[in-house]
Amino acid sequence: MIVNEQPAIRAKSLTKKFGDFEAVRGIDVEVRPGESFGFLGPNGAGKSSTMRMIAGVSPVTSGTLEIFGLNPATHGSEIRNRLGVVPQADNLDGELTLLDNLIVYGRYFDIPRAECVARAQELLDFVQLSERSSGRVESLSGGMKRRLTIARGLMNRPEMFLLDEPTTGLDPQARHILWDRLYRLKQQGVTLVLTTHYMDEAEQLCDRLVVMDGGRIVAEGSPRELITRHSTREVLELRFGAGSNAEHEGRLLGVGDRLEVLADRVLVYVDDGESALHEVHSRGLEPESSLVRRSSLEDVFLRLTGRSLEE
């Protein structure tokens, strides 16, 4: 953990407008050095617009933003030299080898070529791509390209690493490999800031996070704090067949603390899911399927916004 009283990020009433559209609506955020901080929310929530302002590539409309105590409007170059960035879309050069992609990127920071080569080889080993170093990027799988993009973002040995939807579109195995690499970076003291709409990713990676919706922050805390504050210990999921879930709402009232009727299932928020399921059966209800699980950040978002993260 980096010992530093200066916040890595401090934003007050941060706003971003595109014409008449307000993408980010006066949010307050503070990120501590060495922590892993997340922006959780659906597409269009304002996550990426916030990240672009933090990265210094999109100007602040109003409010204040400090990165390492510096103003991006006046110290953009200095800030960017201390940041690593993984954008939503991999923008690697498909015609170059893996090694050359990293070397070329490193030269943008005026790192001597010999040092670039050494760092690139070290990072290819870190992301488990050393054996492919002389191959072209176009031959890589999606997960490999994502790992290479992470390696590229680390060429300047950043103090803070920004990752915008780092695992979107990847299969479960590739996601877990990336999670492991990011956890190792955090252990080395690198501040991680990521956006995601995957609640399991946020729970795995984030020390703290904010839930965003419509350009605003609707909740803030650790994953466990948010779940404890806004949901029950367990959730009973019931399915009654296509189009018939809403018909059973009245007969389920009182089974748990509250109900959420979705298109494909009914969620019953309870402390004891098995007891609740027994109560459902005792009322003569026979769902086609049932599942008892622990509450998640998906449930938090549903409680706060009335819709799921995937909508």
C-alpha atoms as a PDB file:
ATOM      1  CA  MET A   1       0.000   0.000   0.000  1.00  0.00           C
ATOM      2  CA  ILE A   2       1.301   3.422  -0.988  1.00  0.00           C
ATOM      3  CA  VAL A   3       1.725   5.676   2.056  1.00  0.00           C
ATOM      4  CA  ASN A   4       0.394   9.063   0.975  1.00  0.00           C
ATOM      5  CA  GLU A   5      -2.194  11.380   2.479  1.00  0.00           C
ATOM      6  CA  GLN A   6      -2.915  12.987  -0.904  1.00  0.00           C
ATOM      7  CA  PRO A   7      -5.980  11.378  -2.570  1.00  0.00           C
ATOM      8  CA  ALA A   8      -5.288   9.790  -5.932  1.00  0.00           C
ATOM      9  CA  ILE A   9      -8.559  11.295  -7.202  1.00  0.00           C
ATOM     10  CA  ARG A  10     -10.702  14.020  -5.701  1.00  0.00           C
ATOM     11  CA  ALA A  11     -13.822  15.254  -7.511  1.00  0.00           C
ATOM     12  CA  LYS A  12     -16.370  17.762  -6.253  1.00  0.00           C
ATOM     13  CA  SER A  13     -19.625  18.498  -8.090  1.00  0.00           C
ATOM     14  CA  LEU A  14     -18.020  17.015 -11.218  1.00  0.00           C
ATOM     15  CA  THR A  15     -20.145  17.584 -14.314  1.00  0.00           C
ATOM     16  CA  LYS A  16     -19.810  16.641 -17.965  1.00  0.00           C
ATOM     17  CA  LYS A  17     -22.138  17.948 -20.677  1.00  0.00           C
ATOM     18  CA  PHE A  18     -22.350  17.217 -24.380  1.00  0.00           C
ATOM     19  CA  GLY A  19     -24.454  20.060 -25.689  1.00  0.00           C
ATOM     20  CA  ASP A  20     -27.711  19.935 -23.741  1.00  0.00           C
ATOM     21  CA  PHE A  21     -27.084  16.382 -22.554  1.00  0.00           C
ATOM     22  CA  GLU A  22     -25.646  16.053 -19.047  1.00  0.00           C
ATOM     23  CA  ALA A  23     -23.732  12.770 -18.915  1.00  0.00           C
ATOM     24  CA  VAL A  24     -22.263  13.295 -15.426  1.00  0.00           C
ATOM     25  CA  ARG A  25     -24.377  15.276 -12.991  1.00  0.00           C
ATOM     26  CA  GLY A  26     -22.384  16.796 -10.167  1.00  0.00           C
ATOM     27  CA  ILE A  27     -20.746  13.760  -8.556  1.00  0.00           C
ATOM     28  CA  ASP A  28     -18.366  13.729  -5.567  1.00  0.00           C
ATOM     29  CA  VAL A  29     -15.654  11.051  -5.562  1.00  0.00           C
ATOM     30  CA  GLU A  30     -12.481  10.466  -3.577  1.00  0.00           C
ATOM     31  CA  VAL A  31     -10.111   7.580  -4.319  1.00  0.00           C
ATOM     32  CA  ARG A  32      -7.327   6.688  -1.904  1.00  0.00           C
ATOM     33  CA  PRO A  33      -3.841   5.721  -3.096  1.00  0.00           C
ATOM     34  CA  GLY A  34      -3.377   1.964  -3.348  1.00  0.00           C
ATOM     35  CA  GLU A  35      -7.047   0.996  -3.282  1.00  0.00           C
ATOM     36  CA  SER A  36      -9.185  -0.609  -5.955  1.00  0.00           C
ATOM     37  CA  PHE A  37     -12.155   1.631  -6.715  1.00  0.00           C
ATOM     38  CA  GLY A  38     -15.063   0.889  -9.028  1.00  0.00           C
ATOM     39  CA  PHE A  39     -17.764   2.710 -10.947  1.00  0.00           C
ATOM     40  CA  LEU A  40     -20.664   0.278 -11.255  1.00  0.00           C
ATOM     41  CA  GLY A  41     -23.677   0.816 -13.463  1.00  0.00           C
ATOM     42  CA  PRO A  42     -25.405   0.038 -16.767  1.00  0.00           C
ATOM     43  CA  ASN A  43     -24.442   1.428 -20.141  1.00  0.00           C
ATOM     44  CA  GLY A  44     -25.173   5.158 -20.257  1.00  0.00           C
ATOM     45  CA  ALA A  45     -24.774   5.655 -16.505  1.00  0.00           C
ATOM     46  CA  GLY A  46     -21.894   8.126 -16.940  1.00  0.00           C
ATOM     47  CA  LYS A  47     -19.049   5.780 -16.022  1.00  0.00           C
ATOM     48  CA  SER A  48     -16.987   6.153 -19.182  1.00  0.00           C
ATOM     49  CA  SER A  49     -17.485   9.927 -19.314  1.00  0.00           C
ATOM     50  CA  THR A  50     -16.142  10.127 -15.769  1.00  0.00           C
ATOM     51  CA  MET A  51     -13.157   7.936 -16.643  1.00  0.00           C
ATOM     52  CA  ARG A  52     -12.299  10.077 -19.661  1.00  0.00           C
ATOM     53  CA  MET A  53     -12.204  13.174 -17.470  1.00  0.00           C
ATOM     54  CA  ILE A  54      -9.980  11.384 -14.946  1.00  0.00           C
ATOM     55  CA  ALA A  55      -7.672  10.276 -17.779  1.00  0.00           C
ATOM     56  CA  GLY A  56      -7.354  13.887 -18.908  1.00  0.00           C
ATOM     57  CA  VAL A  57      -8.674  13.282 -22.430  1.00  0.00           C
ATOM     58  CA  SER A  58     -12.055  14.954 -21.913  1.00  0.00           C
ATOM     59  CA  PRO A  59     -12.357  18.410 -20.304  1.00  0.00           C
ATOM     60  CA  VAL A  60     -14.437  18.993 -17.188  1.00  0.00           C
ATOM     61  CA  THR A  61     -17.595  21.017 -17.859  1.00  0.00           C
ATOM     62  CA  SER A  62     -17.959  22.242 -14.280  1.00  0.00           C
ATOM     63  CA  GLY A  63     -16.968  21.309 -10.749  1.00  0.00           C
ATOM     64  CA  THR A  64     -13.451  20.450  -9.648  1.00  0.00           C
ATOM     65  CA  LEU A  65     -11.234  17.451 -10.390  1.00  0.00           C
ATOM     66  CA  GLU A  66      -7.773  16.739  -8.999  1.00  0.00           C
ATOM     67  CA  ILE A  67      -5.573  13.775  -9.950  1.00  0.00           C
ATOM     68  CA  PHE A  68      -2.572  13.334  -7.631  1.00  0.00           C
ATOM     69  CA  GLY A  69      -3.491  16.805  -6.352  1.00  0.00           C
ATOM     70  CA  LEU A  70      -3.112  18.280  -9.857  1.00  0.00           C
ATOM     71  CA  ASN A  71      -5.634  19.906 -12.197  1.00  0.00           C
ATOM     72  CA  PRO A  72      -5.965  17.942 -15.483  1.00  0.00           C
ATOM     73  CA  ALA A  73      -6.681  21.189 -17.346  1.00  0.00           C
ATOM     74  CA  THR A  74      -3.256  22.615 -16.476  1.00  0.00           C
ATOM     75  CA  HIS A  75      -1.146  19.531 -15.719  1.00  0.00           C
ATOM     76  CA  GLY A  76      -2.579  17.028 -18.184  1.00  0.00           C
ATOM     77  CA  SER A  77       0.749  15.800 -19.542  1.00  0.00           C
ATOM     78  CA  GLU A  78       2.230  15.292 -16.088  1.00  0.00           C
ATOM     79  CA  ILE A  79      -0.840  13.371 -14.950  1.00  0.00           C
ATOM     80  CA  ARG A  80      -0.952  11.157 -18.050  1.00  0.00           C
ATOM     81  CA  ASN A  81       2.682  10.182 -17.512  1.00  0.00           C
ATOM     82  CA  ARG A  82       1.661   8.727 -14.156  1.00  0.00           C
ATOM     83  CA  LEU A  83      -1.436   6.922 -15.449  1.00  0.00           C
ATOM     84  CA  GLY A  84      -1.985   3.618 -17.195  1.00  0.00           C
ATOM     85  CA  VAL A  85      -5.126   3.282 -19.309  1.00  0.00           C
ATOM     86  CA  VAL A  86      -7.053   0.303 -20.641  1.00  0.00           C
ATOM     87  CA  PRO A  87      -9.864   1.583 -22.902  1.00  0.00           C
ATOM     88  CA  GLN A  88     -13.126  -0.267 -23.580  1.00  0.00           C
ATOM     89  CA  ALA A  89     -12.011  -1.332 -27.056  1.00  0.00           C
ATOM     90  CA  ASP A  90      -8.600  -2.878 -27.703  1.00  0.00           C
ATOM     91  CA  ASN A  91      -6.792  -0.529 -30.107  1.00  0.00           C
ATOM     92  CA  LEU A  92      -3.684  -2.611 -30.661  1.00  0.00           C
ATOM     93  CA  ASP A  93      -1.749  -2.620 -33.935  1.00  0.00           C
ATOM     94  CA  GLY A  94      -2.663  -5.938 -35.533  1.00  0.00           C
ATOM     95  CA  GLU A  95       0.231  -5.823 -37.973  1.00  0.00           C
ATOM     96  CA  LEU A  96       2.897  -5.621 -35.273  1.00  0.00           C
ATOM     97  CA  THR A  97       4.145  -8.354 -32.973  1.00  0.00           C
ATOM     98  CA  LEU A  98       3.146  -8.388 -29.328  1.00  0.00           C
ATOM     99  CA  LEU A  99       6.618  -7.243 -28.333  1.00  0.00           C
ATOM    100  CA  ASP A 100       6.666  -4.382 -30.833  1.00  0.00           C
ATOM    101  CA  ASN A 101       3.228  -3.167 -29.713  1.00  0.00           C
ATOM    102  CA  LEU A 102       4.636  -2.625 -26.245  1.00  0.00           C
ATOM    103  CA  ILE A 103       7.925  -1.132 -27.394  1.00  0.00           C
ATOM    104  CA  VAL A 104       6.238   1.407 -29.676  1.00  0.00           C
ATOM    105  CA  TYR A 105       3.880   2.444 -26.876  1.00  0.00           C
ATOM    106  CA  GLY A 106       6.731   2.788 -24.407  1.00  0.00           C
ATOM    107  CA  ARG A 107       8.600   5.110 -26.756  1.00  0.00           C
ATOM    108  CA  TYR A 108       5.715   7.604 -26.510  1.00  0.00           C
ATOM    109  CA  PHE A 109       6.884   8.171 -22.928  1.00  0.00           C
ATOM    110  CA  ASP A 110      10.475   8.740 -24.091  1.00  0.00           C
ATOM    111  CA  ILE A 111      11.606   5.543 -22.440  1.00  0.00           C
ATOM    112  CA  PRO A 112      14.941   4.422 -24.004  1.00  0.00           C
ATOM    113  CA  ARG A 113      14.473   1.561 -26.450  1.00  0.00           C
ATOM    114  CA  ALA A 114      16.620  -0.888 -24.460  1.00  0.00           C
ATOM    115  CA  GLU A 115      14.525  -0.167 -21.372  1.00  0.00           C
ATOM    116  CA  CYS A 116      11.334  -0.572 -23.426  1.00  0.00           C
ATOM    117  CA  VAL A 117      12.466  -4.015 -24.557  1.00  0.00           C
ATOM    118  CA  ALA A 118      13.261  -5.077 -20.987  1.00  0.00           C
ATOM    119  CA  ARG A 119       9.936  -3.777 -19.657  1.00  0.00           C
ATOM    120  CA  ALA A 120       7.982  -5.325 -22.524  1.00  0.00           C
ATOM    121  CA  GLN A 121       9.500  -8.761 -21.927  1.00  0.00           C
ATOM    122  CA  GLU A 122       8.803  -8.465 -18.211  1.00  0.00           C
ATOM    123  CA  LEU A 123       5.186  -7.469 -18.811  1.00  0.00           C
ATOM    124  CA  LEU A 124       4.553 -10.183 -21.397  1.00  0.00           C
ATOM    125  CA  ASP A 125       5.637 -12.639 -18.744  1.00  0.00           C
ATOM    126  CA  PHE A 126       3.357 -10.956 -16.211  1.00  0.00           C
ATOM    127  CA  VAL A 127       0.297 -11.364 -18.467  1.00  0.00           C
ATOM    128  CA  GLN A 128       1.356 -14.882 -19.521  1.00  0.00           C
ATOM    129  CA  LEU A 129       2.020 -14.055 -23.175  1.00  0.00           C
ATOM    130  CA  SER A 130       5.799 -14.522 -23.384  1.00  0.00           C
ATOM    131  CA  GLU A 131       5.496 -17.498 -25.724  1.00  0.00           C
ATOM    132  CA  ARG A 132       3.532 -15.352 -28.205  1.00  0.00           C
ATOM    133  CA  SER A 133       5.856 -12.333 -28.094  1.00  0.00           C
ATOM    134  CA  SER A 134       7.070 -12.672 -31.691  1.00  0.00           C
ATOM    135  CA  GLY A 135       3.600 -13.386 -33.127  1.00  0.00           C
ATOM    136  CA  ARG A 136       1.223 -10.807 -34.554  1.00  0.00           C
ATOM    137  CA  VAL A 137      -1.652  -9.387 -32.546  1.00  0.00           C
ATOM    138  CA  GLU A 138      -4.217 -10.351 -35.198  1.00  0.00           C
ATOM    139  CA  SER A 139      -3.691 -14.024 -34.297  1.00  0.00           C
ATOM    140  CA  LEU A 140      -4.661 -13.578 -30.642  1.00  0.00           C
ATOM    141  CA  SER A 141      -7.932 -14.496 -28.953  1.00  0.00           C
ATOM    142  CA  GLY A 142     -10.054 -11.798 -27.325  1.00  0.00           C
ATOM    143  CA  GLY A 143      -8.762 -12.643 -23.864  1.00  0.00           C
ATOM    144  CA  MET A 144      -5.150 -12.529 -25.027  1.00  0.00           C
ATOM    145  CA  LYS A 145      -5.683  -9.131 -26.664  1.00  0.00           C
ATOM    146  CA  ARG A 146      -7.149  -7.832 -23.414  1.00  0.00           C
ATOM    147  CA  ARG A 147      -4.126  -9.074 -21.475  1.00  0.00           C
ATOM    148  CA  LEU A 148      -1.799  -7.447 -23.986  1.00  0.00           C
ATOM    149  CA  THR A 149      -3.696  -4.162 -23.662  1.00  0.00           C
ATOM    150  CA  ILE A 150      -3.192  -4.347 -19.893  1.00  0.00           C
ATOM    151  CA  ALA A 151       0.535  -4.990 -20.416  1.00  0.00           C
ATOM    152  CA  ARG A 152       0.721  -1.998 -22.748  1.00  0.00           C
ATOM    153  CA  GLY A 153      -0.949   0.239 -20.173  1.00  0.00           C
ATOM    154  CA  LEU A 154       1.743  -0.733 -17.665  1.00  0.00           C
ATOM    155  CA  MET A 155       4.729   0.178 -19.837  1.00  0.00           C
ATOM    156  CA  ASN A 156       5.183   3.553 -18.109  1.00  0.00           C
ATOM    157  CA  ARG A 157       4.939   1.912 -14.646  1.00  0.00           C
ATOM    158  CA  PRO A 158       1.892   3.961 -13.645  1.00  0.00           C
ATOM    159  CA  GLU A 159       0.897   4.879 -10.120  1.00  0.00           C
ATOM    160  CA  MET A 160      -2.760   4.568 -11.076  1.00  0.00           C
ATOM    161  CA  PHE A 161      -4.361   2.218 -13.588  1.00  0.00           C
ATOM    162  CA  LEU A 162      -7.678   3.094 -15.273  1.00  0.00           C
ATOM    163  CA  LEU A 163      -9.667   0.211 -16.762  1.00  0.00           C
ATOM    164  CA  ASP A 164     -12.892   0.837 -18.675  1.00  0.00           C
ATOM    165  CA  GLU A 165     -15.017  -2.353 -18.810  1.00  0.00           C
ATOM    166  CA  PRO A 166     -11.869  -4.540 -18.665  1.00  0.00           C
ATOM    167  CA  THR A 167     -13.532  -7.941 -19.206  1.00  0.00           C
ATOM    168  CA  THR A 168     -16.559  -7.196 -21.414  1.00  0.00           C
ATOM    169  CA  GLY A 169     -17.043  -9.996 -23.946  1.00  0.00           C
ATOM    170  CA  LEU A 170     -14.553 -12.394 -22.386  1.00  0.00           C
ATOM    171  CA  ASP A 171     -15.295 -15.970 -21.383  1.00  0.00           C
ATOM    172  CA  PRO A 172     -15.200 -16.900 -17.666  1.00  0.00           C
ATOM    173  CA  GLN A 173     -11.685 -18.386 -17.799  1.00  0.00           C
ATOM    174  CA  ALA A 174     -10.230 -15.275 -19.462  1.00  0.00           C
ATOM    175  CA  ARG A 175     -12.002 -13.040 -16.940  1.00  0.00           C
ATOM    176  CA  HIS A 176     -10.507 -14.926 -14.000  1.00  0.00           C
ATOM    177  CA  ILE A 177      -7.002 -14.689 -15.470  1.00  0.00           C
ATOM    178  CA  LEU A 178      -7.427 -10.923 -15.791  1.00  0.00           C
ATOM    179  CA  TRP A 179      -8.788 -10.646 -12.252  1.00  0.00           C
ATOM    180  CA  ASP A 180      -5.682 -12.418 -10.975  1.00  0.00           C
ATOM    181  CA  ARG A 181      -3.339 -10.049 -12.854  1.00  0.00           C
ATOM    182  CA  LEU A 182      -5.205  -7.001 -11.524  1.00  0.00           C
ATOM    183  CA  TYR A 183      -5.120  -8.341  -7.964  1.00  0.00           C
ATOM    184  CA  ARG A 184      -1.345  -8.735  -8.263  1.00  0.00           C
ATOM    185  CA  LEU A 185      -1.033  -5.123  -9.388  1.00  0.00           C
ATOM    186  CA  LYS A 186      -2.998  -4.008  -6.358  1.00  0.00           C
ATOM    187  CA  GLN A 187      -0.643  -5.998  -4.128  1.00  0.00           C
ATOM    188  CA  GLN A 188       2.218  -4.010  -5.663  1.00  0.00           C
ATOM    189  CA  GLY A 189       0.563  -0.756  -4.537  1.00  0.00           C
ATOM    190  CA  VAL A 190      -0.936   0.355  -7.852  1.00  0.00           C
ATOM    191  CA  THR A 191      -4.218   2.256  -7.500  1.00  0.00           C
ATOM    192  CA  LEU A 192      -6.888   0.576  -9.629  1.00  0.00           C
ATOM    193  CA  VAL A 193      -9.925   2.455 -10.940  1.00  0.00           C
ATOM    194  CA  LEU A 194     -12.346   0.490 -13.081  1.00  0.00           C
ATOM    195  CA  THR A 195     -15.779   0.685 -14.598  1.00  0.00           C
ATOM    196  CA  THR A 196     -17.954  -2.387 -14.963  1.00  0.00           C
ATOM    197  CA  HIS A 197     -21.531  -3.513 -15.285  1.00  0.00           C
ATOM    198  CA  TYR A 198     -20.643  -6.971 -13.936  1.00  0.00           C
ATOM    199  CA  MET A 199     -21.580  -7.166 -10.273  1.00  0.00           C
ATOM    200  CA  ASP A 200     -19.407 -10.238  -9.621  1.00  0.00           C
ATOM    201  CA  GLU A 201     -16.416  -8.363 -11.038  1.00  0.00           C
ATOM    202  CA  ALA A 202     -17.057  -5.402  -8.750  1.00  0.00           C
ATOM    203  CA  GLU A 203     -17.398  -7.696  -5.736  1.00  0.00           C
ATOM    204  CA  GLN A 204     -14.159  -9.499  -6.608  1.00  0.00           C
ATOM    205  CA  LEU A 205     -11.973  -6.494  -7.423  1.00  0.00           C
ATOM    206  CA  CYS A 206     -13.227  -3.410  -5.596  1.00  0.00           C
ATOM    207  CA  ASP A 207     -12.398  -2.267  -2.077  1.00  0.00           C
ATOM    208  CA  ARG A 208     -14.984   0.487  -2.537  1.00  0.00           C
ATOM    209  CA  LEU A 209     -17.294   1.505  -5.338  1.00  0.00           C
ATOM    210  CA  VAL A 210     -19.998   3.903  -6.362  1.00  0.00           C
ATOM    211  CA  VAL A 211     -23.199   2.832  -8.064  1.00  0.00           C
ATOM    212  CA  MET A 212     -24.068   5.231 -10.894  1.00  0.00           C
ATOM    213  CA  ASP A 213     -27.350   5.697 -12.707  1.00  0.00           C
ATOM    214  CA  GLY A 214     -28.328   8.502 -15.037  1.00  0.00           C
ATOM    215  CA  GLY A 215     -25.096  10.388 -14.433  1.00  0.00           C
ATOM    216  CA  ARG A 216     -25.517  10.447 -10.657  1.00  0.00           C
ATOM    217  CA  ILE A 217     -24.083   8.454  -7.766  1.00  0.00           C
ATOM    218  CA  VAL A 218     -26.908   6.620  -6.012  1.00  0.00           C
ATOM    219  CA  ALA A 219     -24.814   4.697  -3.458  1.00  0.00           C
ATOM    220  CA  GLU A 220     -21.231   4.403  -2.225  1.00  0.00           C
ATOM    221  CA  GLY A 221     -19.346   1.935  -0.019  1.00  0.00           C
ATOM    222  CA  SER A 222     -17.643  -1.433  -0.026  1.00  0.00           C
ATOM    223  CA  PRO A 223     -19.518  -4.248  -1.804  1.00  0.00           C
ATOM    224  CA  ARG A 224     -20.410  -5.852   1.520  1.00  0.00           C
ATOM    225  CA  GLU A 225     -21.528  -2.543   3.046  1.00  0.00           C
ATOM    226  CA  LEU A 226     -23.824  -1.832   0.103  1.00  0.00           C
ATOM    227  CA  ILE A 227     -25.377  -5.281   0.207  1.00  0.00           C
ATOM    228  CA  THR A 228     -25.926  -5.077   3.970  1.00  0.00           C
ATOM    229  CA  ARG A 229     -27.379  -1.568   3.724  1.00  0.00           C
ATOM    230  CA  HIS A 230     -29.699  -2.071   0.776  1.00  0.00           C
ATOM    231  CA  SER A 231     -30.633  -5.756   0.683  1.00  0.00           C
ATOM    232  CA  THR A 232     -31.407  -8.813   2.805  1.00  0.00           C
ATOM    233  CA  ARG A 233     -29.062 -11.678   3.603  1.00  0.00           C
ATOM    234  CA  GLU A 234     -30.617 -14.019   1.026  1.00  0.00           C
ATOM    235  CA  VAL A 235     -32.815 -13.895  -2.051  1.00  0.00           C
ATOM    236  CA  LEU A 236     -35.339 -16.508  -3.152  1.00  0.00           C
ATOM    237  CA  GLU A 237     -35.726 -16.602  -6.948  1.00  0.00           C
ATOM    238  CA  LEU A 238     -38.973 -18.097  -8.256  1.00  0.00           C
ATOM    239  CA  ARG A 239     -40.071 -18.792 -11.823  1.00  0.00           C
ATOM    240  CA  PHE A 240     -43.721 -19.513 -12.590  1.00  0.00           C
ATOM    241  CA  GLY A 241     -43.583 -19.789 -16.371  1.00  0.00           C
ATOM    242  CA  ALA A 242     -43.461 -17.350 -19.248  1.00  0.00           C
ATOM    243  CA  GLY A 243     -45.624 -14.294 -18.683  1.00  0.00           C
ATOM    244  CA  SER A 244     -47.197 -15.533 -15.457  1.00  0.00           C
ATOM    245  CA  ASN A 245     -44.832 -14.252 -12.762  1.00  0.00           C
ATOM    246  CA  ALA A 246     -46.827 -11.070 -12.079  1.00  0.00           C
ATOM    247  CA  GLU A 247     -50.010 -13.106 -11.572  1.00  0.00           C
ATOM    248  CA  HIS A 248     -48.549 -14.627  -8.391  1.00  0.00           C
ATOM    249  CA  GLU A 249     -47.430 -11.386  -6.744  1.00  0.00           C
ATOM    250  CA  GLY A 250     -50.502 -11.055  -4.513  1.00  0.00           C
ATOM    251  CA  ARG A 251     -50.175 -14.572  -3.092  1.00  0.00           C
ATOM    252  CA  LEU A 252     -46.482 -13.956  -2.316  1.00  0.00           C
ATOM    253  CA  LEU A 253     -47.008 -10.807  -0.268  1.00  0.00           C
ATOM    254  CA  GLY A 254     -45.598 -11.152   3.240  1.00  0.00           C
ATOM    255  CA  VAL A 255     -43.309 -14.073   2.420  1.00  0.00           C
ATOM    256  CA  GLY A 256     -40.249 -11.822   2.637  1.00  0.00           C
ATOM    257  CA  ASP A 257     -39.258  -8.253   3.364  1.00  0.00           C
ATOM    258  CA  ARG A 258     -40.119  -7.219  -0.197  1.00  0.00           C
ATOM    259  CA  LEU A 259     -40.766  -8.556  -3.707  1.00  0.00           C
ATOM    260  CA  GLU A 260     -39.413  -7.644  -7.115  1.00  0.00           C
ATOM    261  CA  VAL A 261     -41.363  -8.996 -10.098  1.00  0.00           C
ATOM    262  CA  LEU A 262     -39.157  -9.176 -13.189  1.00  0.00           C
ATOM    263  CA  ALA A 263     -40.034 -10.406 -16.663  1.00  0.00           C
ATOM    264  CA  ASP A 264     -38.402 -13.800 -16.118  1.00  0.00           C
ATOM    265  CA  ARG A 265     -38.587 -14.316 -12.344  1.00  0.00           C
ATOM    266  CA  VAL A 266     -39.844 -13.116  -8.973  1.00  0.00           C
ATOM    267  CA  LEU A 267     -37.291 -12.108  -6.359  1.00  0.00           C
ATOM    268  CA  VAL A 268     -38.245 -12.528  -2.705  1.00  0.00           C
ATOM    269  CA  TYR A 269     -35.883 -10.719  -0.312  1.00  0.00           C
ATOM    270  CA  VAL A 270     -35.531 -12.653   2.940  1.00  0.00           C
ATOM    271  CA  ASP A 271     -33.080 -13.560   5.696  1.00  0.00           C
ATOM    272  CA  ASP A 272     -33.786 -17.303   5.397  1.00  0.00           C
ATOM    273  CA  GLY A 273     -34.441 -18.456   1.833  1.00  0.00           C
ATOM    274  CA  GLU A 274     -35.267 -22.077   2.681  1.00  0.00           C
ATOM    275  CA  SER A 275     -37.908 -21.043   5.222  1.00  0.00           C
ATOM    276  CA  ALA A 276     -39.371 -18.640   2.675  1.00  0.00           C
ATOM    277  CA  LEU A 277     -39.537 -21.405   0.061  1.00  0.00           C
ATOM    278  CA  HIS A 278     -41.351 -23.621   2.555  1.00  0.00           C
ATOM    279  CA  GLU A 279     -43.852 -20.797   3.107  1.00  0.00           C
ATOM    280  CA  VAL A 280     -44.365 -20.468  -0.661  1.00  0.00           C
ATOM    281  CA  HIS A 281     -45.237 -24.180  -0.898  1.00  0.00           C
ATOM    282  CA  SER A 282     -47.492 -23.955   2.157  1.00  0.00           C
ATOM    283  CA  ARG A 283     -49.558 -21.340   0.303  1.00  0.00           C
ATOM    284  CA  GLY A 284     -50.207 -23.850  -2.476  1.00  0.00           C
ATOM    285  CA  LEU A 285     -47.826 -22.256  -4.947  1.00  0.00           C
ATOM    286  CA  GLU A 286     -45.685 -24.515  -7.142  1.00  0.00           C
ATOM    287  CA  PRO A 287     -43.057 -22.549  -9.075  1.00  0.00           C
ATOM    288  CA  GLU A 288     -41.444 -24.199 -12.080  1.00  0.00           C
ATOM    289  CA  SER A 289     -38.055 -23.560 -10.492  1.00  0.00           C
ATOM    290  CA  SER A 290     -36.612 -22.009  -7.344  1.00  0.00           C
ATOM    291  CA  LEU A 291     -33.186 -20.874  -6.181  1.00  0.00           C
ATOM    292  CA  VAL A 292     -31.905 -19.595  -2.843  1.00  0.00           C
ATOM    293  CA  ARG A 293     -28.781 -17.410  -3.090  1.00  0.00           C
ATOM    294  CA  ARG A 294     -26.914 -14.707  -1.218  1.00  0.00           C
ATOM    295  CA  SER A 295     -27.754 -11.104  -2.009  1.00  0.00           C
ATOM    296  CA  SER A 296     -25.493  -9.415  -4.563  1.00  0.00           C
ATOM    297  CA  LEU A 297     -24.771  -5.982  -5.973  1.00  0.00           C
ATOM    298  CA  GLU A 298     -27.353  -6.764  -8.669  1.00  0.00           C
ATOM    299  CA  ASP A 299     -29.963  -6.686  -5.914  1.00  0.00           C
ATOM    300  CA  VAL A 300     -28.589  -3.398  -4.608  1.00  0.00           C
ATOM    301  CA  PHE A 301     -28.889  -1.810  -8.030  1.00  0.00           C
ATOM    302  CA  LEU A 302     -32.388  -3.173  -8.501  1.00  0.00           C
ATOM    303  CA  ARG A 303     -33.422  -1.735  -5.133  1.00  0.00           C
ATOM    304  CA  LEU A 304     -31.943   1.690  -5.881  1.00  0.00           C
ATOM    305  CA  THR A 305     -33.012   2.120  -9.507  1.00  0.00           C
ATOM    306  CA  GLY A 306     -35.848  -0.296 -10.122  1.00  0.00           C
ATOM    307  CA  ARG A 307     -33.990  -2.170 -12.859  1.00  0.00           C
ATOM    308  CA  SER A 308     -31.212  -4.720 -13.271  1.00  0.00           C
ATOM    309  CA  LEU A 309     -27.637  -3.909 -14.192  1.00  0.00           C
ATOM    310  CA  GLU A 310     -27.983  -5.642 -17.539  1.00  0.00           C
ATOM    311  CA  GLU A 311     -30.903  -3.515 -18.762  1.00  0.00           C
END
